[in-house]
Amino acid sequence: MLIYKQHLPIATVDTRDIILPYKSVAEAKAHILKLDLQYGCPTIWYQADGGSKTDETEYFIAAIGTGHKINSDRINLDSYLGTLQLNDGDLVLHYFLVRPERSNKNVEI
């Protein structure tokens, strides 16, 4: 077993792409070990066994600030990873894991 980490977006309504060796959001979420701040930077730690390149799937991690409108039906409770408070609670970001649509790599949030 290998444990990896990935820094997360720190701006409201922002995304960061991530490649994970899991075919579904549910399977990928099951391998995320922790979502927390490390030295003030939002970070996730996840488990992956180093599968083949054909097992890799592109995802986006979306950061949505409290009170911001979400324009995508793919950002929902099923894709929710967790919430972090930044800047001593001045900024609250909610993180979601989403697969991009095949025809459009962007996730409109």
C-alpha atoms as a PDB file:
ATOM      1  CA  MET A   1       0.000   0.000   0.000  1.00  0.00           C
ATOM      2  CA  LEU A   2       1.206   3.506  -0.857  1.00  0.00           C
ATOM      3  CA  ILE A   3      -0.130   6.725   0.663  1.00  0.00           C
ATOM      4  CA  TYR A   4      -0.047   9.896  -1.416  1.00  0.00           C
ATOM      5  CA  LYS A   5      -0.966  13.484  -0.724  1.00  0.00           C
ATOM      6  CA  GLN A   6      -2.403  16.202  -2.939  1.00  0.00           C
ATOM      7  CA  HIS A   7      -2.745  19.898  -2.170  1.00  0.00           C
ATOM      8  CA  LEU A   8      -6.245  21.269  -2.715  1.00  0.00           C
ATOM      9  CA  PRO A   9      -7.550  24.547  -4.152  1.00  0.00           C
ATOM     10  CA  ILE A  10      -7.446  27.435  -1.714  1.00  0.00           C
ATOM     11  CA  ALA A  11      -9.738  29.824  -3.583  1.00  0.00           C
ATOM     12  CA  THR A  12     -13.522  29.911  -3.581  1.00  0.00           C
ATOM     13  CA  VAL A  13     -15.121  28.298  -6.656  1.00  0.00           C
ATOM     14  CA  ASP A  14     -11.850  26.765  -7.854  1.00  0.00           C
ATOM     15  CA  THR A  15     -10.832  23.306  -9.098  1.00  0.00           C
ATOM     16  CA  ARG A  16      -7.700  21.194  -9.114  1.00  0.00           C
ATOM     17  CA  ASP A  17      -7.289  18.139 -11.323  1.00  0.00           C
ATOM     18  CA  ILE A  18      -6.104  14.857  -9.879  1.00  0.00           C
ATOM     19  CA  ILE A  19      -5.431  11.449 -11.440  1.00  0.00           C
ATOM     20  CA  LEU A  20      -6.549   8.487  -9.325  1.00  0.00           C
ATOM     21  CA  PRO A  21      -6.434   4.738 -10.068  1.00  0.00           C
ATOM     22  CA  TYR A  22     -10.160   4.311  -9.413  1.00  0.00           C
ATOM     23  CA  LYS A  23     -12.990   4.148 -11.956  1.00  0.00           C
ATOM     24  CA  SER A  24     -15.783   5.738  -9.900  1.00  0.00           C
ATOM     25  CA  VAL A  25     -16.156   8.656  -7.518  1.00  0.00           C
ATOM     26  CA  ALA A  26     -17.440   6.281  -4.829  1.00  0.00           C
ATOM     27  CA  GLU A  27     -14.395   4.016  -5.148  1.00  0.00           C
ATOM     28  CA  ALA A  28     -11.997   6.974  -5.162  1.00  0.00           C
ATOM     29  CA  LYS A  29     -13.693   8.521  -2.105  1.00  0.00           C
ATOM     30  CA  ALA A  30     -13.364   5.197  -0.260  1.00  0.00           C
ATOM     31  CA  HIS A  31      -9.564   5.464  -0.620  1.00  0.00           C
ATOM     32  CA  ILE A  32      -9.248   9.031   0.657  1.00  0.00           C
ATOM     33  CA  LEU A  33      -7.836   8.733   4.144  1.00  0.00           C
ATOM     34  CA  LYS A  34      -7.944  12.329   5.385  1.00  0.00           C
ATOM     35  CA  LEU A  35      -8.796  15.875   4.373  1.00  0.00           C
ATOM     36  CA  ASP A  36      -7.074  18.466   6.564  1.00  0.00           C
ATOM     37  CA  LEU A  37      -4.726  21.436   6.701  1.00  0.00           C
ATOM     38  CA  GLN A  38      -0.973  20.842   6.578  1.00  0.00           C
ATOM     39  CA  TYR A  39       1.023  23.979   7.381  1.00  0.00           C
ATOM     40  CA  GLY A  40      -2.110  25.999   6.541  1.00  0.00           C
ATOM     41  CA  CYS A  41      -2.557  24.372   3.112  1.00  0.00           C
ATOM     42  CA  PRO A  42      -5.664  22.220   2.377  1.00  0.00           C
ATOM     43  CA  THR A  43      -4.474  18.681   1.642  1.00  0.00           C
ATOM     44  CA  ILE A  44      -5.872  15.193   1.086  1.00  0.00           C
ATOM     45  CA  TRP A  45      -4.089  11.945   1.768  1.00  0.00           C
ATOM     46  CA  TYR A  46      -5.205   8.910  -0.216  1.00  0.00           C
ATOM     47  CA  GLN A  47      -4.257   5.276  -0.619  1.00  0.00           C
ATOM     48  CA  ALA A  48      -3.318   3.810  -3.994  1.00  0.00           C
ATOM     49  CA  ASP A  49      -1.467   0.641  -4.865  1.00  0.00           C
ATOM     50  CA  GLY A  50       0.234   1.964  -7.995  1.00  0.00           C
ATOM     51  CA  GLY A  51      -1.956   0.261 -10.594  1.00  0.00           C
ATOM     52  CA  SER A  52      -1.280   0.404 -14.310  1.00  0.00           C
ATOM     53  CA  LYS A  53      -1.658   3.580 -16.376  1.00  0.00           C
ATOM     54  CA  THR A  54      -4.854   2.148 -17.900  1.00  0.00           C
ATOM     55  CA  ASP A  55      -6.452   2.210 -14.430  1.00  0.00           C
ATOM     56  CA  GLU A  56      -5.912   5.955 -14.034  1.00  0.00           C
ATOM     57  CA  THR A  57      -8.961   8.219 -14.137  1.00  0.00           C
ATOM     58  CA  GLU A  58      -9.070  12.001 -14.233  1.00  0.00           C
ATOM     59  CA  TYR A  59     -11.067  13.799 -11.546  1.00  0.00           C
ATOM     60  CA  PHE A  60     -11.490  17.362 -10.366  1.00  0.00           C
ATOM     61  CA  ILE A  61     -11.506  18.452  -6.760  1.00  0.00           C
ATOM     62  CA  ALA A  62     -13.784  21.470  -6.519  1.00  0.00           C
ATOM     63  CA  ALA A  63     -13.642  24.005  -3.686  1.00  0.00           C
ATOM     64  CA  ILE A  64     -16.928  25.798  -3.030  1.00  0.00           C
ATOM     65  CA  GLY A  65     -17.113  28.588  -0.483  1.00  0.00           C
ATOM     66  CA  THR A  66     -20.071  28.857   1.878  1.00  0.00           C
ATOM     67  CA  GLY A  67     -22.857  30.849   0.222  1.00  0.00           C
ATOM     68  CA  HIS A  68     -21.611  30.357  -3.353  1.00  0.00           C
ATOM     69  CA  LYS A  69     -24.023  29.018  -5.956  1.00  0.00           C
ATOM     70  CA  ILE A  70     -23.274  25.582  -7.419  1.00  0.00           C
ATOM     71  CA  ASN A  71     -24.204  25.275 -11.110  1.00  0.00           C
ATOM     72  CA  SER A  72     -23.429  21.582 -11.553  1.00  0.00           C
ATOM     73  CA  ASP A  73     -25.676  18.670 -10.635  1.00  0.00           C
ATOM     74  CA  ARG A  74     -22.540  16.518 -10.299  1.00  0.00           C
ATOM     75  CA  ILE A  75     -21.459  18.492  -7.235  1.00  0.00           C
ATOM     76  CA  ASN A  76     -23.686  16.978  -4.575  1.00  0.00           C
ATOM     77  CA  LEU A  77     -23.609  15.036  -1.326  1.00  0.00           C
ATOM     78  CA  ASP A  78     -22.367  11.910  -3.133  1.00  0.00           C
ATOM     79  CA  SER A  79     -19.261  13.798  -4.301  1.00  0.00           C
ATOM     80  CA  TYR A  80     -18.641  15.623  -0.987  1.00  0.00           C
ATOM     81  CA  LEU A  81     -15.201  15.100   0.594  1.00  0.00           C
ATOM     82  CA  GLY A  82     -15.245  17.469   3.550  1.00  0.00           C
ATOM     83  CA  THR A  83     -15.041  21.046   4.801  1.00  0.00           C
ATOM     84  CA  LEU A  84     -12.030  23.042   5.941  1.00  0.00           C
ATOM     85  CA  GLN A  85     -11.742  26.416   7.653  1.00  0.00           C
ATOM     86  CA  LEU A  86      -8.866  28.569   6.421  1.00  0.00           C
ATOM     87  CA  ASN A  87      -7.449  31.853   7.743  1.00  0.00           C
ATOM     88  CA  ASP A  88      -8.693  31.208  11.289  1.00  0.00           C
ATOM     89  CA  GLY A  89     -12.212  30.506  10.012  1.00  0.00           C
ATOM     90  CA  ASP A  90     -12.493  33.574   7.773  1.00  0.00           C
ATOM     91  CA  LEU A  91     -12.781  31.310   4.704  1.00  0.00           C
ATOM     92  CA  VAL A  92     -14.780  28.069   4.775  1.00  0.00           C
ATOM     93  CA  LEU A  93     -14.333  25.785   1.754  1.00  0.00           C
ATOM     94  CA  HIS A  94     -16.340  22.642   0.995  1.00  0.00           C
ATOM     95  CA  TYR A  95     -14.525  20.097  -1.201  1.00  0.00           C
ATOM     96  CA  PHE A  96     -16.092  17.779  -3.788  1.00  0.00           C
ATOM     97  CA  LEU A  97     -14.614  15.051  -6.018  1.00  0.00           C
ATOM     98  CA  VAL A  98     -16.040  15.061  -9.551  1.00  0.00           C
ATOM     99  CA  ARG A  99     -15.328  13.229 -12.806  1.00  0.00           C
ATOM    100  CA  PRO A 100     -15.242  15.526 -15.826  1.00  0.00           C
ATOM    101  CA  GLU A 101     -17.771  14.955 -18.580  1.00  0.00           C
ATOM    102  CA  ARG A 102     -16.267  13.123 -21.551  1.00  0.00           C
ATOM    103  CA  SER A 103     -17.011  15.936 -23.992  1.00  0.00           C
ATOM    104  CA  ASN A 104     -15.949  18.721 -21.649  1.00  0.00           C
ATOM    105  CA  LYS A 105     -12.980  18.534 -19.296  1.00  0.00           C
ATOM    106  CA  ASN A 106     -14.135  21.557 -17.319  1.00  0.00           C
ATOM    107  CA  VAL A 107     -16.541  21.432 -14.416  1.00  0.00           C
ATOM    108  CA  GLU A 108     -18.754  24.499 -14.288  1.00  0.00           C
ATOM    109  CA  ILE A 109     -19.204  25.481 -10.689  1.00  0.00           C
END
